[in-house]
Amino acid sequence: VTVYHSELSDGPAFDLTVTGSVPPNLRIVAAENGSVPWPYVISEDQLSVVFQVGNLPVGQVYVTRFSALTVITGQDGVVSFANVTYDSNAGKTEEVEGRAGSA
């Protein structure tokens, strides 16, 4: 999974959540912190892994990976997915809202 914060951005991305998910015929068995020590949690059903970080500066790249095993043998065309959400203000509060987004 690679998250790239475009140099065309106006500022850092805060409160990032990166979610990797796999179809029901796979189970996530391992993950790693990658290029920055983002904490992560593999879901109880092992169908997703969530990485969280406070911020990603403009122009920075975060690279990580997770591993999954198939629970149904002999299947072709296995695909996994990733999603990222972020906010333009650090530490979202009720008083100050940033521009939330996803990619």
C-alpha atoms as a PDB file:
ATOM      1  CA  VAL A   1       0.000   0.000   0.000  1.00  0.00           C
ATOM      2  CA  THR A   2       1.458   3.366  -1.004  1.00  0.00           C
ATOM      3  CA  VAL A   3       0.039   6.695   0.176  1.00  0.00           C
ATOM      4  CA  TYR A   4       1.506   9.725  -1.591  1.00  0.00           C
ATOM      5  CA  HIS A   5       0.716  13.261  -0.424  1.00  0.00           C
ATOM      6  CA  SER A   6       0.864  15.400  -3.546  1.00  0.00           C
ATOM      7  CA  GLU A   7       3.252  18.343  -3.607  1.00  0.00           C
ATOM      8  CA  LEU A   8       0.335  20.370  -5.029  1.00  0.00           C
ATOM      9  CA  SER A   9      -1.446  20.150  -1.662  1.00  0.00           C
ATOM     10  CA  ASP A  10      -1.920  23.270   0.472  1.00  0.00           C
ATOM     11  CA  GLY A  11      -0.714  21.635   3.683  1.00  0.00           C
ATOM     12  CA  PRO A  12      -0.232  18.479   5.730  1.00  0.00           C
ATOM     13  CA  ALA A  13      -2.853  15.765   5.934  1.00  0.00           C
ATOM     14  CA  PHE A  14      -3.867  14.939   9.509  1.00  0.00           C
ATOM     15  CA  ASP A  15      -5.698  12.115  11.254  1.00  0.00           C
ATOM     16  CA  LEU A  16      -5.111   9.649   8.435  1.00  0.00           C
ATOM     17  CA  THR A  17      -6.763   6.247   8.447  1.00  0.00           C
ATOM     18  CA  VAL A  18      -5.612   3.821   5.775  1.00  0.00           C
ATOM     19  CA  THR A  19      -7.732   0.690   5.428  1.00  0.00           C
ATOM     20  CA  GLY A  20      -6.672  -2.338   3.434  1.00  0.00           C
ATOM     21  CA  SER A  21      -9.337  -4.943   2.763  1.00  0.00           C
ATOM     22  CA  VAL A  22      -9.544  -8.326   1.086  1.00  0.00           C
ATOM     23  CA  PRO A  23     -12.433 -10.389  -0.309  1.00  0.00           C
ATOM     24  CA  PRO A  24     -14.017 -13.151   1.807  1.00  0.00           C
ATOM     25  CA  ASN A  25     -11.831 -15.851   0.236  1.00  0.00           C
ATOM     26  CA  LEU A  26      -8.713 -14.346   1.888  1.00  0.00           C
ATOM     27  CA  ARG A  27      -7.569 -13.705   5.457  1.00  0.00           C
ATOM     28  CA  ILE A  28      -5.012 -11.047   6.440  1.00  0.00           C
ATOM     29  CA  VAL A  29      -2.358 -12.786   8.526  1.00  0.00           C
ATOM     30  CA  ALA A  30       0.320 -10.104   8.955  1.00  0.00           C
ATOM     31  CA  ALA A  31       1.031  -6.389   8.502  1.00  0.00           C
ATOM     32  CA  GLU A  32       4.010  -4.111   9.042  1.00  0.00           C
ATOM     33  CA  ASN A  33       4.582  -0.495  10.005  1.00  0.00           C
ATOM     34  CA  GLY A  34       6.294   0.324   6.732  1.00  0.00           C
ATOM     35  CA  SER A  35       8.274   3.500   6.089  1.00  0.00           C
ATOM     36  CA  VAL A  36       6.794   5.361   9.086  1.00  0.00           C
ATOM     37  CA  PRO A  37       5.757   3.693  12.367  1.00  0.00           C
ATOM     38  CA  TRP A  38       2.002   3.872  11.896  1.00  0.00           C
ATOM     39  CA  PRO A  39       0.129   1.706  14.383  1.00  0.00           C
ATOM     40  CA  TYR A  40      -2.160  -0.850  12.795  1.00  0.00           C
ATOM     41  CA  VAL A  41      -4.889  -3.290  13.775  1.00  0.00           C
ATOM     42  CA  ILE A  42      -5.972  -6.392  11.878  1.00  0.00           C
ATOM     43  CA  SER A  43      -9.729  -6.909  12.223  1.00  0.00           C
ATOM     44  CA  GLU A  44     -11.029  -9.893  14.167  1.00  0.00           C
ATOM     45  CA  ASP A  45     -12.436 -11.468  10.982  1.00  0.00           C
ATOM     46  CA  GLN A  46      -9.055 -10.843   9.259  1.00  0.00           C
ATOM     47  CA  LEU A  47     -10.727  -9.167   6.265  1.00  0.00           C
ATOM     48  CA  SER A  48      -9.229  -5.715   6.864  1.00  0.00           C
ATOM     49  CA  VAL A  49      -6.268  -3.932   8.406  1.00  0.00           C
ATOM     50  CA  VAL A  50      -6.367  -0.307   9.557  1.00  0.00           C
ATOM     51  CA  PHE A  51      -3.246   1.891   9.773  1.00  0.00           C
ATOM     52  CA  GLN A  52      -3.496   5.232  11.640  1.00  0.00           C
ATOM     53  CA  VAL A  53      -1.169   8.221  11.767  1.00  0.00           C
ATOM     54  CA  GLY A  54      -1.320  11.785  13.049  1.00  0.00           C
ATOM     55  CA  ASN A  55      -0.028  13.482   9.888  1.00  0.00           C
ATOM     56  CA  LEU A  56       1.587  13.078   6.493  1.00  0.00           C
ATOM     57  CA  PRO A  57       3.494  16.181   5.323  1.00  0.00           C
ATOM     58  CA  VAL A  58       3.199  17.503   1.784  1.00  0.00           C
ATOM     59  CA  GLY A  59       5.340  15.531  -0.659  1.00  0.00           C
ATOM     60  CA  GLN A  60       5.814  12.601   1.719  1.00  0.00           C
ATOM     61  CA  VAL A  61       5.171   8.986   0.796  1.00  0.00           C
ATOM     62  CA  TYR A  62       4.105   6.227   3.161  1.00  0.00           C
ATOM     63  CA  VAL A  63       4.644   2.636   2.054  1.00  0.00           C
ATOM     64  CA  THR A  64       3.516  -0.430   3.967  1.00  0.00           C
ATOM     65  CA  ARG A  65       2.308  -3.933   3.245  1.00  0.00           C
ATOM     66  CA  PHE A  66       0.098  -6.651   4.546  1.00  0.00           C
ATOM     67  CA  SER A  67      -0.041 -10.353   3.790  1.00  0.00           C
ATOM     68  CA  ALA A  68      -3.092 -12.523   3.226  1.00  0.00           C
ATOM     69  CA  LEU A  69      -3.650 -16.212   2.704  1.00  0.00           C
ATOM     70  CA  THR A  70      -6.372 -17.802   0.656  1.00  0.00           C
ATOM     71  CA  VAL A  71      -8.988 -19.897   2.437  1.00  0.00           C
ATOM     72  CA  ILE A  72     -10.317 -21.324  -0.844  1.00  0.00           C
ATOM     73  CA  THR A  73      -7.681 -23.030  -2.965  1.00  0.00           C
ATOM     74  CA  GLY A  74      -7.451 -22.856  -6.740  1.00  0.00           C
ATOM     75  CA  GLN A  75      -8.957 -19.378  -7.216  1.00  0.00           C
ATOM     76  CA  ASP A  76      -7.615 -16.910  -9.782  1.00  0.00           C
ATOM     77  CA  GLY A  77      -7.959 -13.132  -9.920  1.00  0.00           C
ATOM     78  CA  VAL A  78      -7.678 -12.294  -6.223  1.00  0.00           C
ATOM     79  CA  VAL A  79      -7.809  -8.519  -5.606  1.00  0.00           C
ATOM     80  CA  SER A  80      -7.343  -6.440  -2.453  1.00  0.00           C
ATOM     81  CA  PHE A  81      -8.405  -2.831  -1.890  1.00  0.00           C
ATOM     82  CA  ALA A  82      -7.182   0.207   0.050  1.00  0.00           C
ATOM     83  CA  ASN A  83      -8.852   3.431   1.172  1.00  0.00           C
ATOM     84  CA  VAL A  84      -7.494   6.482   2.998  1.00  0.00           C
ATOM     85  CA  THR A  85      -9.350   9.201   4.905  1.00  0.00           C
ATOM     86  CA  TYR A  86      -7.795  12.408   6.215  1.00  0.00           C
ATOM     87  CA  ASP A  87      -8.540  15.864   7.589  1.00  0.00           C
ATOM     88  CA  SER A  88      -6.869  19.242   7.043  1.00  0.00           C
ATOM     89  CA  ASN A  89      -6.805  20.084  10.778  1.00  0.00           C
ATOM     90  CA  ALA A  90      -4.890  18.092  13.348  1.00  0.00           C
ATOM     91  CA  GLY A  91      -6.949  16.426  16.090  1.00  0.00           C
ATOM     92  CA  LYS A  92     -10.502  16.940  14.853  1.00  0.00           C
ATOM     93  CA  THR A  93     -12.656  18.785  17.385  1.00  0.00           C
ATOM     94  CA  GLU A  94     -16.231  20.010  17.517  1.00  0.00           C
ATOM     95  CA  GLU A  95     -15.033  23.628  17.560  1.00  0.00           C
ATOM     96  CA  VAL A  96     -12.661  23.390  14.599  1.00  0.00           C
ATOM     97  CA  GLU A  97     -13.479  21.300  11.580  1.00  0.00           C
ATOM     98  CA  GLY A  98     -11.046  20.733   8.760  1.00  0.00           C
ATOM     99  CA  ARG A  99     -11.644  19.653   5.210  1.00  0.00           C
ATOM    100  CA  ALA A 100     -12.252  15.947   5.486  1.00  0.00           C
ATOM    101  CA  GLY A 101     -11.504  13.811   2.477  1.00  0.00           C
ATOM    102  CA  SER A 102     -10.791  10.350   1.204  1.00  0.00           C
ATOM    103  CA  ALA A 103      -8.930   8.718  -1.655  1.00  0.00           C
END
